[in-house]
All heavy atoms as atom14 arrays in JSON, in Angstrom:
{
  "sequence": "RVFARAELERMTEICHENHVVIISDEVHSLITFGGSRHIPVLDV",
  "atom14_mask": [
    [1, 1, 1, 1, 1, 1, 1, 1, 1, 1, 1, 0, 0, 0],
    [1, 1, 1, 1, 1, 1, 1, 0, 0, 0, 0, 0, 0, 0],
    [1, 1, 1, 1, 1, 1, 1, 1, 1, 1, 1, 0, 0, 0],
    [1, 1, 1, 1, 1, 0, 0, 0, 0, 0, 0, 0, 0, 0],
    [1, 1, 1, 1, 1, 1, 1, 1, 1, 1, 1, 0, 0, 0],
    [1, 1, 1, 1, 1, 0, 0, 0, 0, 0, 0, 0, 0, 0],
    [1, 1, 1, 1, 1, 1, 1, 1, 1, 0, 0, 0, 0, 0],
    [1, 1, 1, 1, 1, 1, 1, 1, 0, 0, 0, 0, 0, 0],
    [1, 1, 1, 1, 1, 1, 1, 1, 1, 0, 0, 0, 0, 0],
    [1, 1, 1, 1, 1, 1, 1, 1, 1, 1, 1, 0, 0, 0],
    [1, 1, 1, 1, 1, 1, 1, 1, 0, 0, 0, 0, 0, 0],
    [1, 1, 1, 1, 1, 1, 1, 0, 0, 0, 0, 0, 0, 0],
    [1, 1, 1, 1, 1, 1, 1, 1, 1, 0, 0, 0, 0, 0],
    [1, 1, 1, 1, 1, 1, 1, 1, 0, 0, 0, 0, 0, 0],
    [1, 1, 1, 1, 1, 1, 0, 0, 0, 0, 0, 0, 0, 0],
    [1, 1, 1, 1, 1, 1, 1, 1, 1, 1, 0, 0, 0, 0],
    [1, 1, 1, 1, 1, 1, 1, 1, 1, 0, 0, 0, 0, 0],
    [1, 1, 1, 1, 1, 1, 1, 1, 0, 0, 0, 0, 0, 0],
    [1, 1, 1, 1, 1, 1, 1, 1, 1, 1, 0, 0, 0, 0],
    [1, 1, 1, 1, 1, 1, 1, 0, 0, 0, 0, 0, 0, 0],
    [1, 1, 1, 1, 1, 1, 1, 0, 0, 0, 0, 0, 0, 0],
    [1, 1, 1, 1, 1, 1, 1, 1, 0, 0, 0, 0, 0, 0],
    [1, 1, 1, 1, 1, 1, 1, 1, 0, 0, 0, 0, 0, 0],
    [1, 1, 1, 1, 1, 1, 0, 0, 0, 0, 0, 0, 0, 0],
    [1, 1, 1, 1, 1, 1, 1, 1, 0, 0, 0, 0, 0, 0],
    [1, 1, 1, 1, 1, 1, 1, 1, 1, 0, 0, 0, 0, 0],
    [1, 1, 1, 1, 1, 1, 1, 0, 0, 0, 0, 0, 0, 0],
    [1, 1, 1, 1, 1, 1, 1, 1, 1, 1, 0, 0, 0, 0],
    [1, 1, 1, 1, 1, 1, 0, 0, 0, 0, 0, 0, 0, 0],
    [1, 1, 1, 1, 1, 1, 1, 1, 0, 0, 0, 0, 0, 0],
    [1, 1, 1, 1, 1, 1, 1, 1, 0, 0, 0, 0, 0, 0],
    [1, 1, 1, 1, 1, 1, 1, 0, 0, 0, 0, 0, 0, 0],
    [1, 1, 1, 1, 1, 1, 1, 1, 1, 1, 1, 0, 0, 0],
    [1, 1, 1, 1, 0, 0, 0, 0, 0, 0, 0, 0, 0, 0],
    [1, 1, 1, 1, 0, 0, 0, 0, 0, 0, 0, 0, 0, 0],
    [1, 1, 1, 1, 1, 1, 0, 0, 0, 0, 0, 0, 0, 0],
    [1, 1, 1, 1, 1, 1, 1, 1, 1, 1, 1, 0, 0, 0],
    [1, 1, 1, 1, 1, 1, 1, 1, 1, 1, 0, 0, 0, 0],
    [1, 1, 1, 1, 1, 1, 1, 1, 0, 0, 0, 0, 0, 0],
    [1, 1, 1, 1, 1, 1, 1, 0, 0, 0, 0, 0, 0, 0],
    [1, 1, 1, 1, 1, 1, 1, 0, 0, 0, 0, 0, 0, 0],
    [1, 1, 1, 1, 1, 1, 1, 1, 0, 0, 0, 0, 0, 0],
    [1, 1, 1, 1, 1, 1, 1, 1, 0, 0, 0, 0, 0, 0],
    [1, 1, 1, 1, 1, 1, 1, 0, 0, 0, 0, 0, 0, 0]
  ],
  "atom14_positions": [
    [[0.73, 11.5, 0.96], [1.46, 10.65, 0.03], [0.63, 9.42, -0.35], [0.0, 8.79, 0.5], [2.76, 10.16, 0.68], [4.02, 10.95, 0.37], [4.42, 10.96, -1.08], [4.33, 9.65, -1.72], [5.21, 8.67, -1.6], [6.3, 8.84, -0.89], [5.02, 7.54, -2.24], [0.0, 0.0, 0.0], [0.0, 0.0, 0.0], [0.0, 0.0, 0.0]],
    [[0.66, 9.07, -1.64], [0.08, 7.83, -2.14], [1.24, 6.88, -2.43], [2.11, 7.19, -3.25], [-0.75, 8.07, -3.41], [-1.27, 6.75, -3.98], [-1.91, 9.01, -3.12], [0.0, 0.0, 0.0], [0.0, 0.0, 0.0], [0.0, 0.0, 0.0], [0.0, 0.0, 0.0], [0.0, 0.0, 0.0], [0.0, 0.0, 0.0], [0.0, 0.0, 0.0]],
    [[1.29, 5.75, -1.77], [2.42, 4.84, -1.94], [2.37, 4.13, -3.28], [1.31, 3.64, -3.71], [2.45, 3.81, -0.81], [2.59, 4.42, 0.56], [2.1, 3.77, 1.69], [3.21, 5.65, 0.74], [2.22, 4.33, 2.94], [3.33, 6.22, 2.01], [2.83, 5.56, 3.11], [0.0, 0.0, 0.0], [0.0, 0.0, 0.0], [0.0, 0.0, 0.0]],
    [[3.51, 4.06, -3.94], [3.64, 3.4, -5.24], [3.65, 1.88, -5.05], [3.94, 1.38, -3.97], [4.92, 3.85, -5.94], [0.0, 0.0, 0.0], [0.0, 0.0, 0.0], [0.0, 0.0, 0.0], [0.0, 0.0, 0.0], [0.0, 0.0, 0.0], [0.0, 0.0, 0.0], [0.0, 0.0, 0.0], [0.0, 0.0, 0.0], [0.0, 0.0, 0.0]],
    [[3.34, 1.18, -6.13], [3.31, -0.29, -6.05], [4.65, -0.85, -5.58], [4.69, -1.77, -4.76], [2.93, -0.89, -7.39], [2.82, -2.43, -7.36], [2.26, -2.99, -8.63], [0.83, -2.72, -8.76], [-0.13, -3.45, -8.19], [0.18, -4.49, -7.42], [-1.4, -3.14, -8.38], [0.0, 0.0, 0.0], [0.0, 0.0, 0.0], [0.0, 0.0, 0.0]],
    [[5.76, -0.31, -6.07], [7.07, -0.82, -5.67], [7.29, -0.65, -4.17], [7.87, -1.53, -3.51], [8.18, -0.11, -6.45], [0.0, 0.0, 0.0], [0.0, 0.0, 0.0], [0.0, 0.0, 0.0], [0.0, 0.0, 0.0], [0.0, 0.0, 0.0], [0.0, 0.0, 0.0], [0.0, 0.0, 0.0], [0.0, 0.0, 0.0], [0.0, 0.0, 0.0]],
    [[6.84, 0.48, -3.62], [6.97, 0.69, -2.17], [6.12, -0.31, -1.4], [6.56, -0.9, -0.39], [6.54, 2.12, -1.82], [7.45, 3.2, -2.37], [6.91, 4.59, -2.16], [5.7, 4.82, -2.39], [7.7, 5.48, -1.76], [0.0, 0.0, 0.0], [0.0, 0.0, 0.0], [0.0, 0.0, 0.0], [0.0, 0.0, 0.0], [0.0, 0.0, 0.0]],
    [[4.9, -0.51, -1.86], [4.0, -1.45, -1.19], [4.54, -2.88, -1.28], [4.48, -3.64, -0.3], [2.61, -1.36, -1.82], [1.87, -0.04, -1.59], [0.66, 0.05, -2.51], [1.44, 0.09, -0.14], [0.0, 0.0, 0.0], [0.0, 0.0, 0.0], [0.0, 0.0, 0.0], [0.0, 0.0, 0.0], [0.0, 0.0, 0.0], [0.0, 0.0, 0.0]],
    [[5.05, -3.24, -2.43], [5.6, -4.59, -2.59], [6.76, -4.82, -1.64], [6.88, -5.89, -1.02], [6.04, -4.81, -4.03], [4.87, -4.96, -5.0], [5.33, -5.03, -6.45], [6.52, -4.71, -6.71], [4.5, -5.39, -7.31], [0.0, 0.0, 0.0], [0.0, 0.0, 0.0], [0.0, 0.0, 0.0], [0.0, 0.0, 0.0], [0.0, 0.0, 0.0]],
    [[7.64, -3.82, -1.5], [8.8, -3.99, -0.62], [8.38, -4.08, 0.84], [8.88, -4.93, 1.6], [9.78, -2.83, -0.83], [11.08, -2.99, -0.03], [11.83, -4.23, -0.46], [12.95, -4.52, 0.43], [13.24, -5.73, 0.88], [12.49, -6.78, 0.55], [14.27, -5.91, 1.67], [0.0, 0.0, 0.0], [0.0, 0.0, 0.0], [0.0, 0.0, 0.0]],
    [[7.44, -3.23, 1.26], [7.01, -3.26, 2.66], [6.29, -4.57, 2.99], [6.52, -5.16, 4.06], [6.12, -2.05, 2.97], [6.89, -0.75, 3.03], [5.94, 0.65, 3.66], [4.78, 0.91, 2.32], [0.0, 0.0, 0.0], [0.0, 0.0, 0.0], [0.0, 0.0, 0.0], [0.0, 0.0, 0.0], [0.0, 0.0, 0.0], [0.0, 0.0, 0.0]],
    [[5.44, -5.03, 2.09], [4.74, -6.29, 2.36], [5.69, -7.47, 2.33], [5.52, -8.43, 3.1], [3.58, -6.5, 1.36], [4.08, -6.44, 0.02], [2.51, -5.46, 1.55], [0.0, 0.0, 0.0], [0.0, 0.0, 0.0], [0.0, 0.0, 0.0], [0.0, 0.0, 0.0], [0.0, 0.0, 0.0], [0.0, 0.0, 0.0], [0.0, 0.0, 0.0]],
    [[6.7, -7.42, 1.47], [7.71, -8.48, 1.44], [8.45, -8.56, 2.77], [8.63, -9.65, 3.34], [8.7, -8.2, 0.3], [9.74, -9.28, 0.09], [9.22, -10.46, -0.71], [8.27, -10.28, -1.48], [9.77, -11.57, -0.53], [0.0, 0.0, 0.0], [0.0, 0.0, 0.0], [0.0, 0.0, 0.0], [0.0, 0.0, 0.0], [0.0, 0.0, 0.0]],
    [[8.86, -7.41, 3.29], [9.57, -7.37, 4.57], [8.67, -7.9, 5.69], [9.1, -8.69, 6.53], [10.03, -5.93, 4.88], [11.12, -5.51, 3.89], [10.54, -5.82, 6.3], [11.42, -4.02, 3.92], [0.0, 0.0, 0.0], [0.0, 0.0, 0.0], [0.0, 0.0, 0.0], [0.0, 0.0, 0.0], [0.0, 0.0, 0.0], [0.0, 0.0, 0.0]],
    [[7.42, -7.46, 5.69], [6.49, -7.9, 6.73], [6.22, -9.4, 6.64], [6.18, -10.1, 7.66], [5.19, -7.11, 6.63], [5.35, -5.38, 7.14], [0.0, 0.0, 0.0], [0.0, 0.0, 0.0], [0.0, 0.0, 0.0], [0.0, 0.0, 0.0], [0.0, 0.0, 0.0], [0.0, 0.0, 0.0], [0.0, 0.0, 0.0], [0.0, 0.0, 0.0]],
    [[6.05, -9.91, 5.43], [5.79, -11.34, 5.26], [6.97, -12.17, 5.74], [6.8, -13.18, 6.44], [5.48, -11.64, 3.79], [4.94, -12.99, 3.54], [5.74, -14.1, 3.35], [3.65, -13.45, 3.47], [5.0, -15.17, 3.16], [3.72, -14.81, 3.22], [0.0, 0.0, 0.0], [0.0, 0.0, 0.0], [0.0, 0.0, 0.0], [0.0, 0.0, 0.0]],
    [[8.18, -11.74, 5.4], [9.38, -12.47, 5.81], [9.53, -12.52, 7.33], [10.09, -13.47, 7.89], [10.62, -11.81, 5.21], [10.8, -12.01, 3.72], [12.0, -11.25, 3.2], [12.7, -10.6, 4.01], [12.23, -11.32, 1.97], [0.0, 0.0, 0.0], [0.0, 0.0, 0.0], [0.0, 0.0, 0.0], [0.0, 0.0, 0.0], [0.0, 0.0, 0.0]],
    [[9.03, -11.49, 8.01], [9.25, -11.35, 9.44], [7.98, -11.56, 10.26], [7.94, -11.21, 11.44], [9.86, -9.98, 9.73], [11.26, -9.84, 9.19], [12.22, -10.23, 9.83], [11.38, -9.27, 7.98], [0.0, 0.0, 0.0], [0.0, 0.0, 0.0], [0.0, 0.0, 0.0], [0.0, 0.0, 0.0], [0.0, 0.0, 0.0], [0.0, 0.0, 0.0]],
    [[6.95, -12.14, 9.64], [5.72, -12.52, 10.34], [5.04, -11.31, 11.01], [4.6, -11.37, 12.15], [6.01, -13.61, 11.38], [6.8, -14.75, 10.83], [6.27, -15.67, 9.94], [8.1, -15.12, 11.02], [7.21, -16.56, 9.62], [8.32, -16.24, 10.24], [0.0, 0.0, 0.0], [0.0, 0.0, 0.0], [0.0, 0.0, 0.0], [0.0, 0.0, 0.0]],
    [[4.98, -10.22, 10.26], [4.34, -9.0, 10.73], [2.99, -8.85, 10.03], [2.92, -8.87, 8.8], [5.22, -7.77, 10.44], [4.53, -6.49, 10.9], [6.58, -7.92, 11.1], [0.0, 0.0, 0.0], [0.0, 0.0, 0.0], [0.0, 0.0, 0.0], [0.0, 0.0, 0.0], [0.0, 0.0, 0.0], [0.0, 0.0, 0.0], [0.0, 0.0, 0.0]],
    [[1.92, -8.7, 10.79], [0.59, -8.45, 10.23], [0.51, -7.0, 9.77], [1.02, -6.09, 10.44], [-0.5, -8.74, 11.29], [-1.87, -8.23, 10.83], [-0.56, -10.23, 11.59], [0.0, 0.0, 0.0], [0.0, 0.0, 0.0], [0.0, 0.0, 0.0], [0.0, 0.0, 0.0], [0.0, 0.0, 0.0], [0.0, 0.0, 0.0], [0.0, 0.0, 0.0]],
    [[-0.12, -6.77, 8.64], [-0.36, -5.41, 8.15], [-1.83, -5.05, 8.38], [-2.72, -5.77, 7.94], [-0.03, -5.27, 6.66], [1.45, -5.55, 6.41], [-0.39, -3.87, 6.15], [1.82, -5.56, 4.93], [0.0, 0.0, 0.0], [0.0, 0.0, 0.0], [0.0, 0.0, 0.0], [0.0, 0.0, 0.0], [0.0, 0.0, 0.0], [0.0, 0.0, 0.0]],
    [[-2.05, -3.94, 9.05], [-3.38, -3.33, 9.1], [-3.29, -2.1, 8.22], [-2.52, -1.17, 8.51], [-3.79, -2.94, 10.53], [-3.79, -4.17, 11.45], [-5.17, -2.29, 10.52], [-4.01, -3.81, 12.91], [0.0, 0.0, 0.0], [0.0, 0.0, 0.0], [0.0, 0.0, 0.0], [0.0, 0.0, 0.0], [0.0, 0.0, 0.0], [0.0, 0.0, 0.0]],
    [[-4.04, -2.08, 7.13], [-3.94, -1.0, 6.15], [-5.14, -0.07, 6.25], [-6.27, -0.44, 5.9], [-3.84, -1.59, 4.74], [-3.65, -0.57, 3.79], [0.0, 0.0, 0.0], [0.0, 0.0, 0.0], [0.0, 0.0, 0.0], [0.0, 0.0, 0.0], [0.0, 0.0, 0.0], [0.0, 0.0, 0.0], [0.0, 0.0, 0.0], [0.0, 0.0, 0.0]],
    [[-4.91, 1.14, 6.71], [-5.93, 2.19, 6.82], [-5.96, 2.93, 5.49], [-5.03, 3.67, 5.16], [-5.56, 3.11, 7.98], [-6.48, 4.31, 8.12], [-7.3, 4.55, 7.22], [-6.37, 5.03, 9.13], [0.0, 0.0, 0.0], [0.0, 0.0, 0.0], [0.0, 0.0, 0.0], [0.0, 0.0, 0.0], [0.0, 0.0, 0.0], [0.0, 0.0, 0.0]],
    [[-7.05, 2.77, 4.73], [-7.14, 3.34, 3.38], [-8.29, 4.34, 3.24], [-8.89, 4.49, 2.17], [-7.26, 2.19, 2.37], [-6.1, 1.2, 2.5], [-6.1, 0.07, 1.49], [-6.98, 0.04, 0.6], [-5.2, -0.79, 1.58], [0.0, 0.0, 0.0], [0.0, 0.0, 0.0], [0.0, 0.0, 0.0], [0.0, 0.0, 0.0], [0.0, 0.0, 0.0]],
    [[-8.57, 5.08, 4.32], [-9.76, 5.93, 4.33], [-9.63, 7.17, 3.44], [-10.63, 7.77, 3.06], [-10.14, 6.35, 5.77], [-10.42, 5.13, 6.62], [-9.06, 7.2, 6.41], [0.0, 0.0, 0.0], [0.0, 0.0, 0.0], [0.0, 0.0, 0.0], [0.0, 0.0, 0.0], [0.0, 0.0, 0.0], [0.0, 0.0, 0.0], [0.0, 0.0, 0.0]],
    [[-8.4, 7.57, 3.1], [-8.22, 8.76, 2.26], [-8.0, 8.4, 0.78], [-7.47, 9.2, 0.02], [-7.04, 9.59, 2.77], [-7.31, 10.31, 4.05], [-8.01, 11.5, 4.11], [-7.01, 10.0, 5.34], [-8.11, 11.91, 5.36], [-7.51, 11.01, 6.12], [0.0, 0.0, 0.0], [0.0, 0.0, 0.0], [0.0, 0.0, 0.0], [0.0, 0.0, 0.0]],
    [[-8.4, 7.21, 0.39], [-8.04, 6.7, -0.94], [-8.96, 7.14, -2.07], [-8.61, 6.97, -3.24], [-8.02, 5.17, -0.89], [-9.3, 4.65, -0.54], [0.0, 0.0, 0.0], [0.0, 0.0, 0.0], [0.0, 0.0, 0.0], [0.0, 0.0, 0.0], [0.0, 0.0, 0.0], [0.0, 0.0, 0.0], [0.0, 0.0, 0.0], [0.0, 0.0, 0.0]],
    [[-10.11, 7.7, -1.78], [-11.1, 7.95, -2.83], [-10.77, 9.17, -3.68], [-11.14, 9.23, -4.85], [-12.49, 8.1, -2.23], [-13.09, 6.82, -1.63], [-14.43, 7.11, -1.01], [-13.24, 5.76, -2.7], [0.0, 0.0, 0.0], [0.0, 0.0, 0.0], [0.0, 0.0, 0.0], [0.0, 0.0, 0.0], [0.0, 0.0, 0.0], [0.0, 0.0, 0.0]],
    [[-10.11, 10.16, -3.09], [-9.8, 11.39, -3.82], [-8.3, 11.42, -4.07], [-7.5, 11.58, -3.15], [-10.25, 12.62, -3.02], [-11.78, 12.64, -2.9], [-9.74, 13.9, -3.67], [-12.32, 13.67, -1.96], [0.0, 0.0, 0.0], [0.0, 0.0, 0.0], [0.0, 0.0, 0.0], [0.0, 0.0, 0.0], [0.0, 0.0, 0.0], [0.0, 0.0, 0.0]],
    [[-7.91, 11.23, -5.33], [-6.5, 11.27, -5.7], [-6.33, 12.24, -6.87], [-7.25, 12.45, -7.66], [-5.98, 9.88, -6.1], [-6.74, 9.38, -7.2], [-6.06, 8.9, -4.94], [0.0, 0.0, 0.0], [0.0, 0.0, 0.0], [0.0, 0.0, 0.0], [0.0, 0.0, 0.0], [0.0, 0.0, 0.0], [0.0, 0.0, 0.0], [0.0, 0.0, 0.0]],
    [[-5.13, 12.81, -6.97], [-4.88, 13.85, -7.95], [-3.82, 13.44, -8.96], [-2.88, 12.7, -8.64], [-4.44, 15.14, -7.24], [-5.39, 15.62, -6.19], [-5.0, 15.69, -4.86], [-6.67, 16.0, -6.52], [-5.87, 16.14, -3.88], [-7.56, 16.46, -5.55], [-7.16, 16.53, -4.22], [0.0, 0.0, 0.0], [0.0, 0.0, 0.0], [0.0, 0.0, 0.0]],
    [[-3.96, 13.98, -10.17], [-2.96, 13.77, -11.19], [-2.78, 12.3, -11.52], [-3.73, 11.55, -11.67], [0.0, 0.0, 0.0], [0.0, 0.0, 0.0], [0.0, 0.0, 0.0], [0.0, 0.0, 0.0], [0.0, 0.0, 0.0], [0.0, 0.0, 0.0], [0.0, 0.0, 0.0], [0.0, 0.0, 0.0], [0.0, 0.0, 0.0], [0.0, 0.0, 0.0]],
    [[-1.52, 11.89, -11.61], [-1.23, 10.51, -11.95], [-1.19, 9.58, -10.76], [-0.88, 8.39, -10.92], [0.0, 0.0, 0.0], [0.0, 0.0, 0.0], [0.0, 0.0, 0.0], [0.0, 0.0, 0.0], [0.0, 0.0, 0.0], [0.0, 0.0, 0.0], [0.0, 0.0, 0.0], [0.0, 0.0, 0.0], [0.0, 0.0, 0.0], [0.0, 0.0, 0.0]],
    [[-1.49, 10.09, -9.58], [-1.45, 9.24, -8.38], [-2.6, 8.25, -8.42], [-3.75, 8.62, -8.7], [-1.54, 10.1, -7.12], [-0.46, 11.0, -7.04], [0.0, 0.0, 0.0], [0.0, 0.0, 0.0], [0.0, 0.0, 0.0], [0.0, 0.0, 0.0], [0.0, 0.0, 0.0], [0.0, 0.0, 0.0], [0.0, 0.0, 0.0], [0.0, 0.0, 0.0]],
    [[-2.3, 7.01, -8.12], [-3.31, 5.96, -8.12], [-3.18, 5.12, -6.86], [-2.12, 4.56, -6.6], [-3.18, 5.07, -9.36], [-4.13, 3.88, -9.38], [-4.03, 3.11, -10.69], [-4.72, 1.83, -10.62], [-6.04, 1.68, -10.71], [-6.8, 2.75, -10.9], [-6.6, 0.49, -10.64], [0.0, 0.0, 0.0], [0.0, 0.0, 0.0], [0.0, 0.0, 0.0]],
    [[-4.25, 5.05, -6.12], [-4.24, 4.24, -4.91], [-4.28, 2.76, -5.26], [-5.01, 2.34, -6.16], [-5.44, 4.59, -4.03], [-5.6, 3.67, -2.87], [-4.72, 3.68, -1.8], [-6.51, 2.69, -2.61], [-5.09, 2.75, -0.93], [-6.16, 2.14, -1.39], [0.0, 0.0, 0.0], [0.0, 0.0, 0.0], [0.0, 0.0, 0.0], [0.0, 0.0, 0.0]],
    [[-3.48, 1.97, -4.53], [-3.47, 0.52, -4.7], [-3.87, -0.12, -3.37], [-3.15, 0.01, -2.38], [-2.07, 0.03, -5.11], [-1.64, 0.68, -6.44], [-2.04, -1.49, -5.23], [-0.2, 0.46, -6.79], [0.0, 0.0, 0.0], [0.0, 0.0, 0.0], [0.0, 0.0, 0.0], [0.0, 0.0, 0.0], [0.0, 0.0, 0.0], [0.0, 0.0, 0.0]],
    [[-5.02, -0.78, -3.3], [-5.41, -1.45, -2.06], [-4.38, -2.52, -1.68], [-3.79, -3.17, -2.55], [-6.77, -2.09, -2.41], [-7.24, -1.36, -3.63], [-6.02, -0.96, -4.38], [0.0, 0.0, 0.0], [0.0, 0.0, 0.0], [0.0, 0.0, 0.0], [0.0, 0.0, 0.0], [0.0, 0.0, 0.0], [0.0, 0.0, 0.0], [0.0, 0.0, 0.0]],
    [[-4.18, -2.72, -0.4], [-3.16, -3.67, 0.04], [-3.47, -5.08, -0.47], [-2.55, -5.85, -0.79], [-3.01, -3.65, 1.57], [-4.22, -4.25, 2.28], [-1.72, -4.35, 1.99], [0.0, 0.0, 0.0], [0.0, 0.0, 0.0], [0.0, 0.0, 0.0], [0.0, 0.0, 0.0], [0.0, 0.0, 0.0], [0.0, 0.0, 0.0], [0.0, 0.0, 0.0]],
    [[-4.74, -5.43, -0.6], [-5.08, -6.78, -1.06], [-4.84, -6.96, -2.55], [-4.97, -8.08, -3.06], [-6.54, -7.1, -0.71], [-6.86, -7.19, 0.79], [-8.31, -7.58, 1.01], [-5.93, -8.16, 1.52], [0.0, 0.0, 0.0], [0.0, 0.0, 0.0], [0.0, 0.0, 0.0], [0.0, 0.0, 0.0], [0.0, 0.0, 0.0], [0.0, 0.0, 0.0]],
    [[-4.48, -5.88, -3.23], [-4.16, -5.97, -4.65], [-2.65, -6.0, -4.89], [-2.21, -6.09, -6.03], [-4.77, -4.77, -5.4], [-4.72, -4.92, -6.91], [-5.05, -6.02, -7.41], [-4.34, -3.95, -7.59], [0.0, 0.0, 0.0], [0.0, 0.0, 0.0], [0.0, 0.0, 0.0], [0.0, 0.0, 0.0], [0.0, 0.0, 0.0], [0.0, 0.0, 0.0]],
    [[-1.86, -5.95, -3.83], [-0.41, -5.85, -3.99], [0.19, -7.19, -4.41], [0.97, -7.27, -5.36], [0.24, -5.34, -2.69], [1.76, -5.4, -2.78], [-0.21, -3.91, -2.4], [0.0, 0.0, 0.0], [0.0, 0.0, 0.0], [0.0, 0.0, 0.0], [0.0, 0.0, 0.0], [0.0, 0.0, 0.0], [0.0, 0.0, 0.0], [0.0, 0.0, 0.0]]
  ]
}
């Protein structure tokens, strides 16, 4: 699964509100298919 921007925004919002650090493993991001587009966490 490639997470959509809305999903990433909601998860980071929840983590920010609750002082949770995010470690984002993005090693499978280079090969995507169709309309799927990877969004790096630092771009959220």
